[in-house]
């Protein structure tokens, strides 16, 4: 291979690499790439400006998933008192079902979302059932008892959720 040909290949490779960098920098996503983080358990965490601004990882999911994430964020107190039975207490360090959807509510109003629930039917079912029953007038204590009873056998150890 001639030196001239090697230079052309090198220049072509450099131009392609540079244009990939430029295209990545000019993304139209609603969040800055620095606001996303992948945990050691493989969960994606994404920060948005408020609870009203949903994370971009929900774009690839259907409307029901988006609605459940909105509802979970709006029922923080309830879901912080409901354990999850998918094993995320041990695998991801979750303390309750709310952690499957939201990693952190920051003082400035921003929220760090967690995509764990998008991959877990148990998390989704527990949240949906809890929110539905709460809206139907059941107390948090009644809901907690119902969830504990439903998932006590055949599921993973519950998260170490604080008692009511």
C-alpha atoms as a PDB file:
ATOM      1  CA  UNK A   1       0.000   0.000   0.000  1.00  0.00           C
ATOM      2  CA  UNK A   2       1.400   3.369  -0.937  1.00  0.00           C
ATOM      3  CA  UNK A   3       1.894   6.254   1.463  1.00  0.00           C
ATOM      4  CA  UNK A   4      -0.644   8.321  -0.485  1.00  0.00           C
ATOM      5  CA  UNK A   5      -3.237   5.564  -0.099  1.00  0.00           C
ATOM      6  CA  UNK A   6      -2.508   5.239   3.652  1.00  0.00           C
ATOM      7  CA  UNK A   7      -3.012   9.002   4.050  1.00  0.00           C
ATOM      8  CA  UNK A   8      -6.371   8.822   2.245  1.00  0.00           C
ATOM      9  CA  UNK A   9      -7.535   5.984   4.510  1.00  0.00           C
ATOM     10  CA  UNK A  10      -6.345   7.822   7.624  1.00  0.00           C
ATOM     11  CA  UNK A  11      -8.011  11.093   6.522  1.00  0.00           C
ATOM     12  CA  UNK A  12     -11.250   9.250   5.645  1.00  0.00           C
ATOM     13  CA  UNK A  13     -11.278   7.505   9.021  1.00  0.00           C
ATOM     14  CA  UNK A  14     -10.572  10.763  10.839  1.00  0.00           C
ATOM     15  CA  UNK A  15     -13.402  12.573   8.983  1.00  0.00           C
ATOM     16  CA  UNK A  16     -15.889   9.773   9.774  1.00  0.00           C
ATOM     17  CA  UNK A  17     -14.874   9.787  13.451  1.00  0.00           C
ATOM     18  CA  UNK A  18     -15.124  13.576  13.647  1.00  0.00           C
ATOM     19  CA  UNK A  19     -18.580  13.598  12.047  1.00  0.00           C
ATOM     20  CA  UNK A  20     -19.771  10.927  14.488  1.00  0.00           C
ATOM     21  CA  UNK A  21     -18.611  13.104  17.382  1.00  0.00           C
ATOM     22  CA  UNK A  22     -20.370  16.126  15.901  1.00  0.00           C
ATOM     23  CA  UNK A  23     -23.610  14.229  15.350  1.00  0.00           C
ATOM     24  CA  UNK A  24     -23.534  12.961  18.936  1.00  0.00           C
ATOM     25  CA  UNK A  25     -23.063  16.506  20.196  1.00  0.00           C
ATOM     26  CA  UNK A  26     -25.983  17.838  18.199  1.00  0.00           C
ATOM     27  CA  UNK A  27     -28.573  15.370  19.493  1.00  0.00           C
ATOM     28  CA  UNK A  28     -32.130  16.575  19.916  1.00  0.00           C
ATOM     29  CA  UNK A  29     -32.744  14.682  23.140  1.00  0.00           C
ATOM     30  CA  UNK A  30     -34.539  16.515  25.918  1.00  0.00           C
ATOM     31  CA  UNK A  31     -31.791  15.875  28.440  1.00  0.00           C
ATOM     32  CA  UNK A  32     -28.065  16.483  28.412  1.00  0.00           C
ATOM     33  CA  UNK A  33     -26.061  13.241  28.011  1.00  0.00           C
ATOM     34  CA  UNK A  34     -24.338  13.966  31.339  1.00  0.00           C
ATOM     35  CA  UNK A  35     -27.699  13.525  33.096  1.00  0.00           C
ATOM     36  CA  UNK A  36     -27.823   9.816  32.222  1.00  0.00           C
ATOM     37  CA  UNK A  37     -26.026   7.124  34.162  1.00  0.00           C
ATOM     38  CA  UNK A  38     -26.018   3.330  33.917  1.00  0.00           C
ATOM     39  CA  UNK A  39     -25.688   1.531  37.253  1.00  0.00           C
ATOM     40  CA  UNK A  40     -23.707  -1.633  37.913  1.00  0.00           C
ATOM     41  CA  UNK A  41     -27.007  -3.551  37.860  1.00  0.00           C
ATOM     42  CA  UNK A  42     -27.673  -2.227  34.335  1.00  0.00           C
ATOM     43  CA  UNK A  43     -30.417   0.221  35.268  1.00  0.00           C
ATOM     44  CA  UNK A  44     -30.460   3.612  33.576  1.00  0.00           C
ATOM     45  CA  UNK A  45     -30.874   6.710  35.700  1.00  0.00           C
ATOM     46  CA  UNK A  46     -31.818   9.965  34.054  1.00  0.00           C
ATOM     47  CA  UNK A  47     -32.287  13.403  35.583  1.00  0.00           C
ATOM     48  CA  UNK A  48     -35.014  15.758  34.414  1.00  0.00           C
ATOM     49  CA  UNK A  49     -35.897  19.246  35.603  1.00  0.00           C
ATOM     50  CA  UNK A  50     -39.064  18.203  37.440  1.00  0.00           C
ATOM     51  CA  UNK A  51     -41.544  15.430  38.093  1.00  0.00           C
ATOM     52  CA  UNK A  52     -43.550  16.786  35.145  1.00  0.00           C
ATOM     53  CA  UNK A  53     -40.666  16.154  32.724  1.00  0.00           C
ATOM     54  CA  UNK A  54     -40.453  12.443  31.983  1.00  0.00           C
ATOM     55  CA  UNK A  55     -37.168  10.734  31.097  1.00  0.00           C
ATOM     56  CA  UNK A  56     -36.257  10.009  27.489  1.00  0.00           C
ATOM     57  CA  UNK A  57     -35.903   6.269  28.182  1.00  0.00           C
ATOM     58  CA  UNK A  58     -39.717   6.109  28.253  1.00  0.00           C
ATOM     59  CA  UNK A  59     -39.948   7.164  24.590  1.00  0.00           C
ATOM     60  CA  UNK A  60     -39.456   3.567  23.463  1.00  0.00           C
ATOM     61  CA  UNK A  61     -42.296   2.292  25.661  1.00  0.00           C
ATOM     62  CA  UNK A  62     -46.046   2.454  25.220  1.00  0.00           C
ATOM     63  CA  UNK A  63     -48.390   5.011  26.729  1.00  0.00           C
ATOM     64  CA  UNK A  64     -49.322   2.744  29.656  1.00  0.00           C
ATOM     65  CA  UNK A  65     -45.720   2.672  30.843  1.00  0.00           C
ATOM     66  CA  UNK A  66     -45.517   6.463  30.634  1.00  0.00           C
ATOM     67  CA  UNK A  67     -48.764   6.846  32.580  1.00  0.00           C
ATOM     68  CA  UNK A  68     -47.603   4.470  35.292  1.00  0.00           C
ATOM     69  CA  UNK A  69     -44.310   6.359  35.672  1.00  0.00           C
ATOM     70  CA  UNK A  70     -46.271   9.625  36.003  1.00  0.00           C
ATOM     71  CA  UNK A  71     -48.585   8.071  38.576  1.00  0.00           C
ATOM     72  CA  UNK A  72     -45.694   6.526  40.519  1.00  0.00           C
ATOM     73  CA  UNK A  73     -43.966   9.912  40.742  1.00  0.00           C
ATOM     74  CA  UNK A  74     -47.199  11.509  41.960  1.00  0.00           C
ATOM     75  CA  UNK A  75     -47.697   8.828  44.640  1.00  0.00           C
ATOM     76  CA  UNK A  76     -44.294   9.010  46.298  1.00  0.00           C
ATOM     77  CA  UNK A  77     -45.523   8.736  49.891  1.00  0.00           C
ATOM     78  CA  UNK A  78     -47.684   5.717  49.116  1.00  0.00           C
ATOM     79  CA  UNK A  79     -45.058   3.775  47.155  1.00  0.00           C
ATOM     80  CA  UNK A  80     -42.323   4.550  49.690  1.00  0.00           C
ATOM     81  CA  UNK A  81     -44.388   2.459  52.121  1.00  0.00           C
ATOM     82  CA  UNK A  82     -44.912  -0.440  49.725  1.00  0.00           C
ATOM     83  CA  UNK A  83     -42.220  -3.106  49.357  1.00  0.00           C
ATOM     84  CA  UNK A  84     -41.148  -4.565  46.037  1.00  0.00           C
ATOM     85  CA  UNK A  85     -40.833  -8.320  45.664  1.00  0.00           C
ATOM     86  CA  UNK A  86     -38.731  -8.626  42.499  1.00  0.00           C
ATOM     87  CA  UNK A  87     -35.367  -8.917  44.265  1.00  0.00           C
ATOM     88  CA  UNK A  88     -34.300  -5.325  43.636  1.00  0.00           C
ATOM     89  CA  UNK A  89     -33.658  -4.789  47.339  1.00  0.00           C
ATOM     90  CA  UNK A  90     -30.634  -7.028  47.022  1.00  0.00           C
ATOM     91  CA  UNK A  91     -29.712  -6.522  43.361  1.00  0.00           C
ATOM     92  CA  UNK A  92     -30.173  -2.743  43.111  1.00  0.00           C
ATOM     93  CA  UNK A  93     -30.324  -1.550  46.723  1.00  0.00           C
ATOM     94  CA  UNK A  94     -33.946  -0.424  46.494  1.00  0.00           C
ATOM     95  CA  UNK A  95     -35.778   0.296  49.738  1.00  0.00           C
ATOM     96  CA  UNK A  96     -39.344   0.269  48.385  1.00  0.00           C
ATOM     97  CA  UNK A  97     -41.447   0.182  45.217  1.00  0.00           C
ATOM     98  CA  UNK A  98     -40.984   3.909  44.586  1.00  0.00           C
ATOM     99  CA  UNK A  99     -37.244   3.311  44.071  1.00  0.00           C
ATOM    100  CA  UNK A 100     -38.062   1.131  41.048  1.00  0.00           C
ATOM    101  CA  UNK A 101     -39.293   4.296  39.284  1.00  0.00           C
ATOM    102  CA  UNK A 102     -37.452   7.174  40.950  1.00  0.00           C
ATOM    103  CA  UNK A 103     -33.939   7.120  42.316  1.00  0.00           C
ATOM    104  CA  UNK A 104     -33.948  10.587  43.902  1.00  0.00           C
ATOM    105  CA  UNK A 105     -36.044  13.711  44.332  1.00  0.00           C
ATOM    106  CA  UNK A 106     -33.617  16.614  44.572  1.00  0.00           C
ATOM    107  CA  UNK A 107     -34.143  19.796  46.595  1.00  0.00           C
ATOM    108  CA  UNK A 108     -34.148  21.955  43.455  1.00  0.00           C
ATOM    109  CA  UNK A 109     -37.201  20.048  42.158  1.00  0.00           C
ATOM    110  CA  UNK A 110     -35.290  17.943  39.660  1.00  0.00           C
ATOM    111  CA  UNK A 111     -35.840  14.209  39.699  1.00  0.00           C
ATOM    112  CA  UNK A 112     -33.541  11.279  38.977  1.00  0.00           C
ATOM    113  CA  UNK A 113     -35.621   8.590  37.286  1.00  0.00           C
ATOM    114  CA  UNK A 114     -34.729   4.887  37.294  1.00  0.00           C
ATOM    115  CA  UNK A 115     -35.663   2.617  34.385  1.00  0.00           C
ATOM    116  CA  UNK A 116     -35.701  -0.508  36.574  1.00  0.00           C
ATOM    117  CA  UNK A 117     -39.501  -0.791  36.480  1.00  0.00           C
ATOM    118  CA  UNK A 118     -39.567  -0.693  32.664  1.00  0.00           C
ATOM    119  CA  UNK A 119     -37.955  -4.146  32.729  1.00  0.00           C
ATOM    120  CA  UNK A 120     -39.897  -5.718  35.598  1.00  0.00           C
ATOM    121  CA  UNK A 121     -43.503  -6.867  35.632  1.00  0.00           C
ATOM    122  CA  UNK A 122     -43.499  -7.348  39.409  1.00  0.00           C
ATOM    123  CA  UNK A 123     -42.516  -3.703  40.021  1.00  0.00           C
ATOM    124  CA  UNK A 124     -45.154  -2.470  37.586  1.00  0.00           C
ATOM    125  CA  UNK A 125     -47.895  -4.684  38.980  1.00  0.00           C
ATOM    126  CA  UNK A 126     -47.212  -3.700  42.586  1.00  0.00           C
ATOM    127  CA  UNK A 127     -47.264   0.020  41.746  1.00  0.00           C
ATOM    128  CA  UNK A 128     -50.375  -0.187  39.562  1.00  0.00           C
ATOM    129  CA  UNK A 129     -52.284  -2.221  42.151  1.00  0.00           C
ATOM    130  CA  UNK A 130     -51.209   0.026  45.020  1.00  0.00           C
ATOM    131  CA  UNK A 131     -52.158   3.244  43.220  1.00  0.00           C
ATOM    132  CA  UNK A 132     -55.493   1.822  42.033  1.00  0.00           C
ATOM    133  CA  UNK A 133     -56.425   0.629  45.529  1.00  0.00           C
ATOM    134  CA  UNK A 134     -55.356   3.949  47.057  1.00  0.00           C
ATOM    135  CA  UNK A 135     -57.567   5.828  44.597  1.00  0.00           C
ATOM    136  CA  UNK A 136     -60.403   3.441  45.525  1.00  0.00           C
ATOM    137  CA  UNK A 137     -60.126   4.546  49.150  1.00  0.00           C
ATOM    138  CA  UNK A 138     -57.946   1.901  50.771  1.00  0.00           C
ATOM    139  CA  UNK A 139     -55.452   3.068  53.363  1.00  0.00           C
ATOM    140  CA  UNK A 140     -51.709   2.644  52.943  1.00  0.00           C
ATOM    141  CA  UNK A 141     -51.779   0.052  55.722  1.00  0.00           C
ATOM    142  CA  UNK A 142     -54.488  -1.986  53.968  1.00  0.00           C
ATOM    143  CA  UNK A 143     -52.602  -1.810  50.686  1.00  0.00           C
ATOM    144  CA  UNK A 144     -49.337  -2.825  52.332  1.00  0.00           C
ATOM    145  CA  UNK A 145     -51.015  -5.825  53.945  1.00  0.00           C
ATOM    146  CA  UNK A 146     -52.604  -6.804  50.624  1.00  0.00           C
ATOM    147  CA  UNK A 147     -49.277  -6.556  48.741  1.00  0.00           C
ATOM    148  CA  UNK A 148     -47.399  -8.466  51.456  1.00  0.00           C
ATOM    149  CA  UNK A 149     -50.035 -11.216  51.398  1.00  0.00           C
ATOM    150  CA  UNK A 150     -50.123 -11.430  47.592  1.00  0.00           C
ATOM    151  CA  UNK A 151     -46.346 -11.669  47.148  1.00  0.00           C
ATOM    152  CA  UNK A 152     -45.311 -13.575  50.302  1.00  0.00           C
ATOM    153  CA  UNK A 153     -44.761 -16.862  48.435  1.00  0.00           C
ATOM    154  CA  UNK A 154     -43.079 -17.521  45.127  1.00  0.00           C
ATOM    155  CA  UNK A 155     -41.371 -14.130  44.860  1.00  0.00           C
ATOM    156  CA  UNK A 156     -38.046 -12.690  45.938  1.00  0.00           C
ATOM    157  CA  UNK A 157     -37.335 -11.296  49.378  1.00  0.00           C
ATOM    158  CA  UNK A 158     -39.106  -7.931  49.816  1.00  0.00           C
ATOM    159  CA  UNK A 159     -37.247  -4.649  49.889  1.00  0.00           C
ATOM    160  CA  UNK A 160     -36.423  -3.395  53.418  1.00  0.00           C
ATOM    161  CA  UNK A 161     -39.322  -0.924  53.328  1.00  0.00           C
ATOM    162  CA  UNK A 162     -39.886   1.251  56.380  1.00  0.00           C
ATOM    163  CA  UNK A 163     -42.910   0.216  58.444  1.00  0.00           C
ATOM    164  CA  UNK A 164     -46.116   2.237  58.521  1.00  0.00           C
END
